[in-house]
Amino acid sequence: MGRRLPLKASPLIPKVFFAMKPSVKANLAAFQPDARLYLTLGIANWSVFVDHIPNNIVNLLTLRNFGFSGAADLFVFVVGYGVAIIHGRMALERGYVVAATRIFRRVWRLYAAYVVLFVIYIDTIAYVARQSMAPEIIHEYNISGILEHPLRILIRGLVLQEEPLNLDLLQLMIPLMALYPLVLWGLLRRPNVTLAASVALYLAARWFDWNFRVYPDQEWTFNPLCWQMLMVLGGWFAVTGAPGKALRGMPWLRIAAGAYIVFAMAVTLMRHSPALSTYLPSLLLDGIAPTDKESLAPYRVLHFLALAFLATHLIPADHPGLRLRPLQAVIRCGEEWLAVFCVGVFLSFAGHLILITGPNLVAMQIVVSLAGFAAMTAVAYYISWSKWQDLPAALRQQT
């Protein structure tokens, strides 16, 4: 292939259309690979897997049980951060149009993964229900019409009008990623204005109760019009470098973040105990629901940002602990997050089926969870190895 020419403004497109903010250019150019991003995605993948297995003692250890936010927040924020870095640097080197088309290619991959997963997933659940091994799961997994009207369910699923249990997070990522070329254009030129517009949409969606619909009269579990703010926040932090500046210059902010995390943990743990919940003021009991994830409650966003803020401070990018062998498995699951997520959905269904059709002992719950972690890790390592094998021999020798 010939040398790639730089993208230039034409007489019909003002030059300012392509102008990138100088500080954004500097931040993107200075960015170094950060294993913490993949570690976070790996933790989110493992957490989603065990959270999707009801009555499993292992999921008592996940983030949602110790504060207002959960694994979904990790996913959306870190994906927004990563896409802004990867495609922002691509826009810097090869032009915005190239970066935008590559984001749309990611959207297509997400949609293709969702369709394949949706078809196989609902067919598997329907097969299990027909075999009467556990007929109640067809209602539990929100596909009660699959036996009577399989084609109708399939068509509605293709246009995102069905929401089987545990596919909602992947479904959410499709419209968020489809919106991101526009978001990236704004972040590269006017990051603060772009964030303000995102916050305005978030507030309007909450105020006017806007949401996407699921047939016949339900709403999406994760409202994309609200959750887009968390993804834009991730991109905003990436292109502005705001976390590093705040950590260095505002020590009081770390104290406030720690206090809020302790407060959120106390409220969440007390709500889990009927005896302790009587000591909570009615304002907290009625006004704060840690499970309120549809419209992304403000206290949920604040809790996640406080966690991310302190984690960034306590675990710098060059922390030696990130090179520990046990963490490498989690990091690898983060690097191949889409495939691992899809596998995790099936594994959570299989784990749930094993526990409801066999002895649901604590030991069995732990074994099922550990087996799922091992399988997800094996898939991640295989995909990584397969990609490495596809590289030219010269590149394989350099890695």
Protein backbone atom coordinates (compact mmCIF):
# COMPACT_ATOMS: atom_id res chain seq x y z
CA MET A 1 0.00 0.00 0.00
CA GLY A 2 1.13 3.56 -0.66
CA ARG A 3 1.97 6.12 1.98
CA ARG A 4 -1.15 7.40 3.74
CA LEU A 5 -1.76 11.07 3.05
CA PRO A 6 -2.78 13.39 5.89
CA LEU A 7 -6.41 14.45 5.98
CA LYS A 8 -6.86 18.05 4.89
CA ALA A 9 -9.79 20.39 4.96
CA SER A 10 -11.46 21.00 1.61
CA PRO A 11 -12.88 24.37 0.51
CA LEU A 12 -16.34 23.03 1.40
CA ILE A 13 -15.30 22.07 4.95
CA PRO A 14 -13.87 24.80 7.19
CA LYS A 15 -10.40 24.10 8.53
CA VAL A 16 -11.65 24.64 12.06
CA PHE A 17 -13.77 21.48 11.59
CA PHE A 18 -10.56 19.46 11.88
CA ALA A 19 -8.86 21.65 14.48
CA MET A 20 -7.98 19.68 17.62
CA LYS A 21 -7.52 21.47 20.94
CA PRO A 22 -3.76 21.77 21.68
CA SER A 23 -4.05 20.47 25.26
CA VAL A 24 -5.97 17.45 23.99
CA LYS A 25 -3.25 16.80 21.43
CA ALA A 26 -0.61 16.91 24.15
CA ASN A 27 -2.53 14.54 26.45
CA LEU A 28 -3.14 12.01 23.67
CA ALA A 29 0.46 12.14 22.49
CA ALA A 30 1.78 11.65 26.03
CA PHE A 31 -0.48 8.70 26.90
CA GLN A 32 1.29 5.44 27.75
CA PRO A 33 -0.30 1.96 27.76
CA ASP A 34 -2.05 1.44 31.09
CA ALA A 35 -2.66 -2.08 32.41
CA ARG A 36 -5.14 -0.67 34.94
CA LEU A 37 -7.72 -0.20 32.18
CA TYR A 38 -7.63 -3.88 31.22
CA LEU A 39 -7.51 -4.92 34.87
CA THR A 40 -10.71 -2.95 35.46
CA LEU A 41 -12.45 -4.52 32.47
CA GLY A 42 -11.33 -7.96 33.62
CA ILE A 43 -12.70 -7.36 37.12
CA ALA A 44 -15.95 -6.14 35.58
CA ASN A 45 -16.21 -9.28 33.43
CA TRP A 46 -15.66 -11.59 36.37
CA SER A 47 -18.09 -9.59 38.50
CA VAL A 48 -20.82 -9.67 35.83
CA PHE A 49 -20.43 -13.44 35.56
CA VAL A 50 -20.94 -14.15 39.26
CA ASP A 51 -23.58 -11.42 39.66
CA HIS A 52 -25.65 -13.20 37.01
CA ILE A 53 -25.76 -16.39 39.08
CA PRO A 54 -28.51 -15.96 41.71
CA ASN A 55 -28.09 -17.39 45.20
CA ASN A 56 -24.34 -17.59 44.78
CA ILE A 57 -22.24 -16.76 47.81
CA VAL A 58 -19.34 -15.58 45.63
CA ASN A 59 -21.33 -12.65 44.25
CA LEU A 60 -21.54 -11.23 47.76
CA LEU A 61 -17.94 -10.07 47.20
CA THR A 62 -18.63 -7.94 44.12
CA LEU A 63 -18.65 -4.15 44.06
CA ARG A 64 -22.43 -3.71 44.10
CA ASN A 65 -22.60 -5.08 47.66
CA PHE A 66 -20.27 -2.42 49.08
CA GLY A 67 -21.53 0.79 47.54
CA PHE A 68 -23.88 2.43 45.11
CA SER A 69 -22.17 1.47 41.83
CA GLY A 70 -21.33 -1.87 40.25
CA ALA A 71 -19.65 -3.73 37.40
CA ALA A 72 -21.78 -2.03 34.73
CA ASP A 73 -20.34 1.34 35.75
CA LEU A 74 -16.82 -0.05 35.35
CA PHE A 75 -17.60 -1.32 31.88
CA VAL A 76 -19.20 1.83 30.50
CA PHE A 77 -16.67 4.28 31.95
CA VAL A 78 -13.54 2.33 31.01
CA VAL A 79 -14.78 1.56 27.49
CA GLY A 80 -15.46 5.28 27.02
CA TYR A 81 -11.99 6.08 28.31
CA GLY A 82 -10.31 3.49 26.14
CA VAL A 83 -12.18 4.38 22.94
CA ALA A 84 -11.32 8.05 23.43
CA ILE A 85 -7.63 7.23 23.83
CA ILE A 86 -7.35 4.71 20.99
CA HIS A 87 -9.43 6.58 18.44
CA GLY A 88 -8.31 9.99 19.62
CA ARG A 89 -4.71 9.02 18.86
CA MET A 90 -5.89 7.61 15.55
CA ALA A 91 -7.55 10.93 14.75
CA LEU A 92 -4.33 12.70 15.70
CA GLU A 93 -2.22 10.53 13.39
CA ARG A 94 -4.58 9.65 10.53
CA GLY A 95 -7.50 12.06 10.70
CA TYR A 96 -10.92 12.14 12.32
CA VAL A 97 -12.73 10.43 9.43
CA VAL A 98 -10.56 7.35 9.76
CA ALA A 99 -11.12 7.27 13.53
CA ALA A 100 -14.90 7.60 13.10
CA THR A 101 -15.08 4.75 10.60
CA ARG A 102 -13.11 2.52 12.96
CA ILE A 103 -15.57 3.28 15.75
CA PHE A 104 -18.43 2.29 13.46
CA ARG A 105 -16.56 -0.95 12.75
CA ARG A 106 -16.55 -1.57 16.51
CA VAL A 107 -20.30 -0.89 16.58
CA TRP A 108 -20.81 -3.52 13.91
CA ARG A 109 -18.74 -6.03 15.88
CA LEU A 110 -20.77 -5.33 19.00
CA TYR A 111 -24.03 -5.74 17.12
CA ALA A 112 -22.84 -8.94 15.42
CA ALA A 113 -21.75 -10.35 18.78
CA TYR A 114 -25.10 -9.39 20.29
CA VAL A 115 -27.10 -11.04 17.47
CA VAL A 116 -25.12 -14.29 17.60
CA LEU A 117 -25.30 -14.36 21.38
CA PHE A 118 -29.02 -13.51 21.38
CA VAL A 119 -29.95 -16.27 18.92
CA ILE A 120 -27.89 -19.02 20.56
CA TYR A 121 -28.79 -17.86 24.07
CA ILE A 122 -32.57 -17.86 23.66
CA ASP A 123 -32.47 -21.10 21.71
CA THR A 124 -30.49 -22.77 24.50
CA ILE A 125 -32.88 -21.52 27.16
CA ALA A 126 -35.89 -22.64 25.13
CA TYR A 127 -34.35 -26.07 24.62
CA VAL A 128 -33.76 -26.49 28.33
CA ALA A 129 -37.31 -25.38 29.07
CA ARG A 130 -38.77 -27.82 26.52
CA GLN A 131 -36.80 -30.66 28.11
CA SER A 132 -38.48 -29.73 31.44
CA MET A 133 -35.18 -29.74 33.29
CA ALA A 134 -36.11 -26.35 34.71
CA PRO A 135 -39.21 -25.01 32.89
CA GLU A 136 -39.46 -21.93 35.09
CA ILE A 137 -36.27 -20.41 33.67
CA ILE A 138 -38.02 -19.37 30.46
CA HIS A 139 -39.94 -16.77 32.48
CA GLU A 140 -36.97 -15.97 34.70
CA TYR A 141 -34.88 -15.10 31.64
CA ASN A 142 -37.60 -12.88 30.16
CA ILE A 143 -38.30 -14.82 26.97
CA SER A 144 -41.70 -16.31 27.84
CA GLY A 145 -42.97 -15.94 24.24
CA ILE A 146 -40.17 -17.92 22.60
CA LEU A 147 -42.05 -21.23 22.51
CA GLU A 148 -45.23 -19.79 20.97
CA HIS A 149 -43.73 -17.14 18.68
CA PRO A 150 -40.02 -17.86 18.07
CA LEU A 151 -39.80 -15.88 14.80
CA ARG A 152 -41.45 -12.82 16.34
CA ILE A 153 -39.07 -12.88 19.29
CA LEU A 154 -36.11 -13.25 16.94
CA ILE A 155 -37.12 -10.29 14.76
CA ARG A 156 -37.72 -8.04 17.75
CA GLY A 157 -34.37 -9.10 19.16
CA LEU A 158 -32.60 -8.08 15.95
CA VAL A 159 -33.95 -4.53 16.31
CA LEU A 160 -33.16 -4.43 20.05
CA GLN A 161 -36.81 -4.67 21.08
CA GLU A 162 -36.27 -7.72 23.28
CA GLU A 163 -34.16 -7.82 26.43
CA PRO A 164 -33.40 -11.32 27.69
CA LEU A 165 -31.93 -11.46 31.15
CA ASN A 166 -28.18 -10.75 31.30
CA LEU A 167 -27.91 -9.34 27.76
CA ASP A 168 -28.89 -5.82 28.80
CA LEU A 169 -25.34 -4.54 29.30
CA LEU A 170 -24.17 -5.67 25.86
CA GLN A 171 -27.35 -4.22 24.37
CA LEU A 172 -26.60 -0.90 26.09
CA MET A 173 -23.11 -0.70 24.56
CA ILE A 174 -24.45 -0.72 20.98
CA PRO A 175 -26.21 2.70 20.99
CA LEU A 176 -23.53 4.19 23.24
CA MET A 177 -20.79 3.17 20.82
CA ALA A 178 -22.88 4.26 17.82
CA LEU A 179 -23.09 7.75 19.36
CA TYR A 180 -19.37 7.91 20.10
CA PRO A 181 -18.08 9.27 16.74
CA LEU A 182 -20.05 12.46 17.47
CA VAL A 183 -18.86 12.44 21.07
CA LEU A 184 -15.24 12.00 19.99
CA TRP A 185 -15.49 14.90 17.57
CA GLY A 186 -16.64 17.13 20.42
CA LEU A 187 -14.12 15.81 22.94
CA LEU A 188 -11.19 16.46 20.62
CA ARG A 189 -12.24 20.07 20.03
CA ARG A 190 -14.38 21.29 22.92
CA PRO A 191 -14.20 18.66 25.69
CA ASN A 192 -15.88 20.80 28.37
CA VAL A 193 -18.75 21.81 26.07
CA THR A 194 -19.21 18.18 25.03
CA LEU A 195 -19.36 17.04 28.66
CA ALA A 196 -21.84 19.82 29.47
CA ALA A 197 -24.09 18.71 26.58
CA SER A 198 -23.89 15.12 27.83
CA VAL A 199 -24.87 16.16 31.36
CA ALA A 200 -27.76 18.21 29.95
CA LEU A 201 -29.06 15.16 28.05
CA TYR A 202 -28.70 13.06 31.20
CA LEU A 203 -30.70 15.55 33.27
CA ALA A 204 -33.37 15.93 30.60
CA ALA A 205 -33.77 12.14 30.25
CA ARG A 206 -34.22 11.80 34.01
CA TRP A 207 -36.60 14.75 34.25
CA PHE A 208 -38.81 13.84 31.27
CA ASP A 209 -38.47 10.08 31.78
CA TRP A 210 -37.02 9.44 28.33
CA ASN A 211 -35.88 5.89 27.63
CA PHE A 212 -35.72 3.26 24.90
CA ARG A 213 -38.65 0.85 24.79
CA VAL A 214 -38.85 -2.93 24.91
CA TYR A 215 -41.86 -4.71 23.45
CA PRO A 216 -44.68 -4.38 24.41
CA ASP A 217 -44.62 -1.64 27.05
CA GLN A 218 -41.40 -1.99 29.03
CA GLU A 219 -38.21 0.08 29.13
CA TRP A 220 -34.53 -0.80 28.80
CA THR A 221 -32.90 -1.90 32.05
CA PHE A 222 -30.05 0.53 31.33
CA ASN A 223 -31.34 3.82 29.91
CA PRO A 224 -28.84 4.77 27.15
CA LEU A 225 -29.85 8.44 27.35
CA CYS A 226 -28.62 8.49 30.95
CA TRP A 227 -25.72 6.03 30.78
CA GLN A 228 -24.15 7.93 27.91
CA MET A 229 -22.98 10.48 30.46
CA LEU A 230 -20.74 7.92 32.18
CA MET A 231 -19.19 6.94 28.86
CA VAL A 232 -18.63 10.58 27.91
CA LEU A 233 -17.12 11.18 31.34
CA GLY A 234 -14.63 8.41 30.64
CA GLY A 235 -13.67 10.05 27.37
CA TRP A 236 -13.47 13.48 28.98
CA PHE A 237 -11.06 12.25 31.65
CA ALA A 238 -8.98 10.57 28.96
CA VAL A 239 -8.51 13.59 26.69
CA THR A 240 -8.17 16.22 29.42
CA GLY A 241 -5.95 14.32 31.85
CA ALA A 242 -8.14 15.68 34.66
CA PRO A 243 -7.58 12.83 37.19
CA GLY A 244 -3.82 13.34 37.34
CA LYS A 245 -4.12 17.07 37.81
CA ALA A 246 -6.70 16.70 40.57
CA LEU A 247 -4.70 14.03 42.39
CA ARG A 248 -1.61 16.20 42.44
CA GLY A 249 -3.24 19.49 43.30
CA MET A 250 -6.25 18.76 45.52
CA PRO A 251 -5.47 16.44 48.46
CA TRP A 252 -8.72 17.45 50.14
CA LEU A 253 -10.56 15.81 47.24
CA ARG A 254 -9.06 12.45 48.16
CA ILE A 255 -10.34 12.86 51.71
CA ALA A 256 -13.82 13.73 50.46
CA ALA A 257 -13.81 10.75 48.08
CA GLY A 258 -12.76 8.38 50.85
CA ALA A 259 -15.46 9.71 53.17
CA TYR A 260 -18.13 9.24 50.53
CA ILE A 261 -16.99 5.67 49.82
CA VAL A 262 -17.21 4.83 53.53
CA PHE A 263 -20.67 6.45 53.69
CA ALA A 264 -21.88 4.46 50.66
CA MET A 265 -20.50 1.23 52.09
CA ALA A 266 -22.19 1.82 55.44
CA VAL A 267 -25.56 2.59 53.84
CA THR A 268 -25.40 -0.40 51.50
CA LEU A 269 -24.38 -2.89 54.19
CA MET A 270 -27.02 -1.58 56.58
CA ARG A 271 -29.71 -1.89 53.91
CA HIS A 272 -28.81 -5.58 53.49
CA SER A 273 -29.63 -6.17 57.17
CA PRO A 274 -33.25 -5.68 58.29
CA ALA A 275 -32.06 -5.12 61.86
CA LEU A 276 -29.53 -2.44 60.91
CA SER A 277 -31.74 -0.75 58.31
CA THR A 278 -34.04 0.46 61.09
CA TYR A 279 -31.26 2.83 62.16
CA LEU A 280 -31.15 4.52 58.76
CA PRO A 281 -33.10 7.77 58.38
CA SER A 282 -36.15 7.46 56.16
CA LEU A 283 -34.58 9.96 53.76
CA LEU A 284 -31.76 7.51 53.03
CA LEU A 285 -34.04 4.48 52.88
CA ASP A 286 -36.47 6.13 50.46
CA GLY A 287 -34.09 8.37 48.53
CA ILE A 288 -31.09 6.10 47.95
CA ALA A 289 -31.55 2.75 46.27
CA PRO A 290 -28.20 1.15 45.37
CA THR A 291 -29.99 -1.06 42.84
CA ASP A 292 -31.38 1.97 40.95
CA LYS A 293 -29.43 1.52 37.73
CA GLU A 294 -31.98 2.26 35.02
CA SER A 295 -31.51 6.03 34.98
CA LEU A 296 -28.03 6.10 36.58
CA ALA A 297 -28.80 7.90 39.84
CA PRO A 298 -26.44 10.82 40.62
CA TYR A 299 -25.24 9.25 43.87
CA ARG A 300 -24.26 6.18 41.85
CA VAL A 301 -22.14 8.28 39.49
CA LEU A 302 -20.53 10.08 42.41
CA HIS A 303 -19.68 6.79 44.12
CA PHE A 304 -18.05 5.39 41.01
CA LEU A 305 -16.01 8.54 40.43
CA ALA A 306 -14.85 8.49 44.05
CA LEU A 307 -13.73 4.87 43.66
CA ALA A 308 -11.94 5.57 40.39
CA PHE A 309 -10.32 8.65 41.85
CA LEU A 310 -8.85 6.85 44.85
CA ALA A 311 -7.91 3.72 42.90
CA THR A 312 -5.94 5.86 40.45
CA HIS A 313 -4.10 7.45 43.37
CA LEU A 314 -3.39 4.23 45.29
CA ILE A 315 -2.43 2.14 42.25
CA PRO A 316 -0.31 4.18 39.82
CA ALA A 317 0.23 2.92 36.28
CA ASP A 318 3.73 1.63 37.12
CA HIS A 319 2.70 -0.19 40.30
CA PRO A 320 4.71 -3.46 40.56
CA GLY A 321 1.61 -5.33 41.72
CA LEU A 322 0.17 -5.06 38.22
CA ARG A 323 2.86 -7.50 37.06
CA LEU A 324 1.84 -10.22 39.51
CA ARG A 325 0.98 -13.47 37.75
CA PRO A 326 -2.53 -13.88 39.30
CA LEU A 327 -3.51 -10.43 38.03
CA GLN A 328 -2.30 -11.26 34.52
CA ALA A 329 -5.28 -13.60 34.09
CA VAL A 330 -7.69 -10.80 35.00
CA ILE A 331 -5.86 -8.33 32.74
CA ARG A 332 -6.01 -10.76 29.83
CA CYS A 333 -9.77 -11.11 30.34
CA GLY A 334 -9.96 -7.31 30.11
CA GLU A 335 -7.96 -7.22 26.89
CA GLU A 336 -10.44 -9.61 25.26
CA TRP A 337 -13.45 -8.20 27.09
CA LEU A 338 -16.11 -8.67 24.39
CA ALA A 339 -15.47 -12.37 23.79
CA VAL A 340 -15.04 -13.02 27.50
CA PHE A 341 -18.29 -11.19 28.27
CA CYS A 342 -20.21 -13.31 25.74
CA VAL A 343 -18.73 -16.51 27.14
CA GLY A 344 -19.52 -15.30 30.66
CA VAL A 345 -23.21 -14.92 29.78
CA PHE A 346 -23.43 -18.58 28.80
CA LEU A 347 -21.37 -19.69 31.76
CA SER A 348 -23.62 -17.80 34.18
CA PHE A 349 -26.66 -19.52 32.67
CA ALA A 350 -24.94 -22.90 32.92
CA GLY A 351 -23.88 -22.19 36.49
CA HIS A 352 -27.40 -21.15 37.46
CA LEU A 353 -28.81 -24.29 35.86
CA ILE A 354 -26.34 -26.50 37.72
CA LEU A 355 -27.22 -24.91 41.05
CA ILE A 356 -31.02 -25.10 40.62
CA THR A 357 -31.01 -28.70 39.34
CA GLY A 358 -28.43 -30.06 41.78
CA PRO A 359 -27.33 -29.57 45.36
CA ASN A 360 -27.02 -25.81 45.85
CA LEU A 361 -24.33 -26.06 48.52
CA VAL A 362 -21.86 -23.31 49.35
CA ALA A 363 -19.01 -25.54 48.16
CA MET A 364 -20.81 -26.09 44.84
CA GLN A 365 -21.35 -22.35 44.42
CA ILE A 366 -17.63 -21.73 44.90
CA VAL A 367 -16.67 -24.53 42.51
CA VAL A 368 -19.07 -23.24 39.82
CA SER A 369 -17.69 -19.71 40.17
CA LEU A 370 -14.04 -20.80 40.06
CA ALA A 371 -14.72 -23.04 37.06
CA GLY A 372 -16.32 -20.09 35.29
CA PHE A 373 -13.32 -17.85 36.02
CA ALA A 374 -10.99 -20.53 34.68
CA ALA A 375 -13.04 -20.98 31.50
CA MET A 376 -13.20 -17.22 30.84
CA THR A 377 -9.45 -16.94 31.36
CA ALA A 378 -8.78 -19.87 29.03
CA VAL A 379 -10.87 -18.21 26.30
CA ALA A 380 -9.03 -14.91 26.76
CA TYR A 381 -5.60 -16.56 26.53
CA TYR A 382 -6.62 -18.58 23.49
CA ILE A 383 -7.87 -15.51 21.62
CA SER A 384 -4.72 -13.60 22.53
CA TRP A 385 -2.54 -16.50 21.38
CA SER A 386 -4.53 -16.81 18.15
CA LYS A 387 -4.08 -13.11 17.38
CA TRP A 388 -0.36 -13.40 18.04
CA GLN A 389 -0.13 -16.33 15.62
CA ASP A 390 -1.77 -14.24 12.91
CA LEU A 391 0.94 -11.59 13.13
CA PRO A 392 3.73 -11.62 10.53
CA ALA A 393 6.82 -13.53 11.67
CA ALA A 394 8.86 -10.33 12.00
CA LEU A 395 6.34 -8.80 14.38
CA ARG A 396 6.05 -12.00 16.42
CA GLN A 397 9.80 -11.91 17.02
CA GLN A 398 9.56 -8.35 18.33
CA THR A 399 6.80 -9.14 20.87
